[in-house]
């Protein structure tokens, strides 16, 4: 066993994730989704151009349901590249 392998012989990354433990596959999936969303012209999922110049891109129902978040810590589950979470703080 080397420093780059765990006891099962799986390759281990610097952050401790082993190639066979699912973490690597999950991160690769989310990295792919983050790259896909917001990079294509006319992307209908995210209005990244408006967001980058300070625009509010959350839907009204999302803002209404979240309520006032001023002074609160936020954890937005399934926010894969942070745009929605940052938008919550822009109000």
C-alpha atoms as a PDB file:
ATOM      1  CA  UNK A   1       0.000   0.000   0.000  1.00  0.00           C
ATOM      2  CA  UNK A   2       1.317   3.442  -0.942  1.00  0.00           C
ATOM      3  CA  UNK A   3       0.414   6.877   0.441  1.00  0.00           C
ATOM      4  CA  UNK A   4      -1.864   7.269  -2.597  1.00  0.00           C
ATOM      5  CA  UNK A   5      -3.868   4.094  -1.891  1.00  0.00           C
ATOM      6  CA  UNK A   6      -6.186   3.002   0.891  1.00  0.00           C
ATOM      7  CA  UNK A   7      -6.175  -0.468   2.470  1.00  0.00           C
ATOM      8  CA  UNK A   8      -8.324  -1.787  -0.397  1.00  0.00           C
ATOM      9  CA  UNK A   9      -5.836  -0.544  -2.975  1.00  0.00           C
ATOM     10  CA  UNK A  10      -8.167   2.217  -4.239  1.00  0.00           C
ATOM     11  CA  UNK A  11      -6.548   5.477  -5.298  1.00  0.00           C
ATOM     12  CA  UNK A  12      -7.005   8.231  -2.697  1.00  0.00           C
ATOM     13  CA  UNK A  13      -7.175  11.936  -3.516  1.00  0.00           C
ATOM     14  CA  UNK A  14      -5.567  14.706  -1.447  1.00  0.00           C
ATOM     15  CA  UNK A  15      -8.929  15.380   0.254  1.00  0.00           C
ATOM     16  CA  UNK A  16      -9.100  11.740   1.415  1.00  0.00           C
ATOM     17  CA  UNK A  17     -11.768  10.555  -1.025  1.00  0.00           C
ATOM     18  CA  UNK A  18     -11.128   7.119  -2.489  1.00  0.00           C
ATOM     19  CA  UNK A  19     -11.966   6.420  -6.140  1.00  0.00           C
ATOM     20  CA  UNK A  20     -14.394   3.613  -5.240  1.00  0.00           C
ATOM     21  CA  UNK A  21     -16.324   5.232  -2.376  1.00  0.00           C
ATOM     22  CA  UNK A  22     -18.906   7.162  -4.393  1.00  0.00           C
ATOM     23  CA  UNK A  23     -17.683  10.624  -3.369  1.00  0.00           C
ATOM     24  CA  UNK A  24     -15.530  10.929  -6.463  1.00  0.00           C
ATOM     25  CA  UNK A  25     -18.409   9.915  -8.773  1.00  0.00           C
ATOM     26  CA  UNK A  26     -20.811  12.284  -6.997  1.00  0.00           C
ATOM     27  CA  UNK A  27     -18.412  15.219  -7.261  1.00  0.00           C
ATOM     28  CA  UNK A  28     -17.823  14.472 -10.950  1.00  0.00           C
ATOM     29  CA  UNK A  29     -21.592  14.495 -11.541  1.00  0.00           C
ATOM     30  CA  UNK A  30     -22.072  17.864  -9.798  1.00  0.00           C
ATOM     31  CA  UNK A  31     -19.008  19.347 -11.516  1.00  0.00           C
ATOM     32  CA  UNK A  32     -20.529  18.322 -14.842  1.00  0.00           C
ATOM     33  CA  UNK A  33     -23.926  19.809 -13.961  1.00  0.00           C
ATOM     34  CA  UNK A  34     -22.358  23.065 -12.786  1.00  0.00           C
ATOM     35  CA  UNK A  35     -20.417  23.347 -16.041  1.00  0.00           C
ATOM     36  CA  UNK A  36     -23.516  22.560 -18.119  1.00  0.00           C
ATOM     37  CA  UNK A  37     -25.838  25.037 -16.418  1.00  0.00           C
ATOM     38  CA  UNK A  38     -25.289  28.639 -17.294  1.00  0.00           C
ATOM     39  CA  UNK A  39     -22.685  28.121 -20.011  1.00  0.00           C
ATOM     40  CA  UNK A  40     -24.844  27.656 -23.103  1.00  0.00           C
ATOM     41  CA  UNK A  41     -26.291  30.635 -24.977  1.00  0.00           C
ATOM     42  CA  UNK A  42     -29.998  30.861 -24.217  1.00  0.00           C
ATOM     43  CA  UNK A  43     -29.737  28.673 -21.110  1.00  0.00           C
ATOM     44  CA  UNK A  44     -33.277  28.537 -19.782  1.00  0.00           C
ATOM     45  CA  UNK A  45     -32.279  27.214 -16.356  1.00  0.00           C
ATOM     46  CA  UNK A  46     -30.111  30.097 -15.185  1.00  0.00           C
ATOM     47  CA  UNK A  47     -29.826  33.709 -16.282  1.00  0.00           C
ATOM     48  CA  UNK A  48     -26.115  33.970 -15.480  1.00  0.00           C
ATOM     49  CA  UNK A  49     -25.587  37.195 -17.457  1.00  0.00           C
ATOM     50  CA  UNK A  50     -28.209  39.031 -15.419  1.00  0.00           C
ATOM     51  CA  UNK A  51     -26.886  37.511 -12.191  1.00  0.00           C
ATOM     52  CA  UNK A  52     -23.318  38.651 -12.911  1.00  0.00           C
ATOM     53  CA  UNK A  53     -24.408  42.284 -13.227  1.00  0.00           C
ATOM     54  CA  UNK A  54     -26.336  42.128  -9.943  1.00  0.00           C
ATOM     55  CA  UNK A  55     -29.762  41.085 -11.190  1.00  0.00           C
ATOM     56  CA  UNK A  56     -32.190  39.073  -9.076  1.00  0.00           C
ATOM     57  CA  UNK A  57     -32.765  35.741 -10.804  1.00  0.00           C
ATOM     58  CA  UNK A  58     -34.874  33.946  -8.205  1.00  0.00           C
ATOM     59  CA  UNK A  59     -38.557  33.517  -8.976  1.00  0.00           C
ATOM     60  CA  UNK A  60     -41.048  35.434  -6.859  1.00  0.00           C
ATOM     61  CA  UNK A  61     -42.327  32.290  -5.158  1.00  0.00           C
ATOM     62  CA  UNK A  62     -38.763  31.354  -4.166  1.00  0.00           C
ATOM     63  CA  UNK A  63     -38.159  34.764  -2.606  1.00  0.00           C
ATOM     64  CA  UNK A  64     -41.540  34.699  -0.865  1.00  0.00           C
ATOM     65  CA  UNK A  65     -41.065  31.233   0.606  1.00  0.00           C
ATOM     66  CA  UNK A  66     -37.525  32.000   1.811  1.00  0.00           C
ATOM     67  CA  UNK A  67     -38.678  35.141   3.585  1.00  0.00           C
ATOM     68  CA  UNK A  68     -36.267  37.666   5.063  1.00  0.00           C
ATOM     69  CA  UNK A  69     -32.810  36.104   5.408  1.00  0.00           C
ATOM     70  CA  UNK A  70     -30.983  39.240   6.554  1.00  0.00           C
ATOM     71  CA  UNK A  71     -28.472  38.391   9.293  1.00  0.00           C
ATOM     72  CA  UNK A  72     -28.988  34.638   8.928  1.00  0.00           C
ATOM     73  CA  UNK A  73     -26.583  31.886   7.921  1.00  0.00           C
ATOM     74  CA  UNK A  74     -27.726  30.135   4.761  1.00  0.00           C
ATOM     75  CA  UNK A  75     -27.404  26.565   3.581  1.00  0.00           C
ATOM     76  CA  UNK A  76     -29.211  25.982   0.321  1.00  0.00           C
ATOM     77  CA  UNK A  77     -29.295  22.265  -0.351  1.00  0.00           C
ATOM     78  CA  UNK A  78     -28.932  21.283  -4.004  1.00  0.00           C
ATOM     79  CA  UNK A  79     -27.533  24.669  -4.976  1.00  0.00           C
ATOM     80  CA  UNK A  80     -24.731  23.278  -7.100  1.00  0.00           C
ATOM     81  CA  UNK A  81     -22.863  26.432  -8.027  1.00  0.00           C
ATOM     82  CA  UNK A  82     -24.101  29.023  -5.562  1.00  0.00           C
ATOM     83  CA  UNK A  83     -26.125  31.424  -7.702  1.00  0.00           C
ATOM     84  CA  UNK A  84     -29.426  30.923  -5.838  1.00  0.00           C
ATOM     85  CA  UNK A  85     -27.769  31.242  -2.442  1.00  0.00           C
ATOM     86  CA  UNK A  86     -26.021  34.479  -3.406  1.00  0.00           C
ATOM     87  CA  UNK A  87     -29.317  35.791  -4.803  1.00  0.00           C
ATOM     88  CA  UNK A  88     -30.999  35.161  -1.450  1.00  0.00           C
ATOM     89  CA  UNK A  89     -28.491  37.512   0.158  1.00  0.00           C
ATOM     90  CA  UNK A  90     -28.992  40.273  -2.442  1.00  0.00           C
ATOM     91  CA  UNK A  91     -32.423  41.274  -1.197  1.00  0.00           C
END
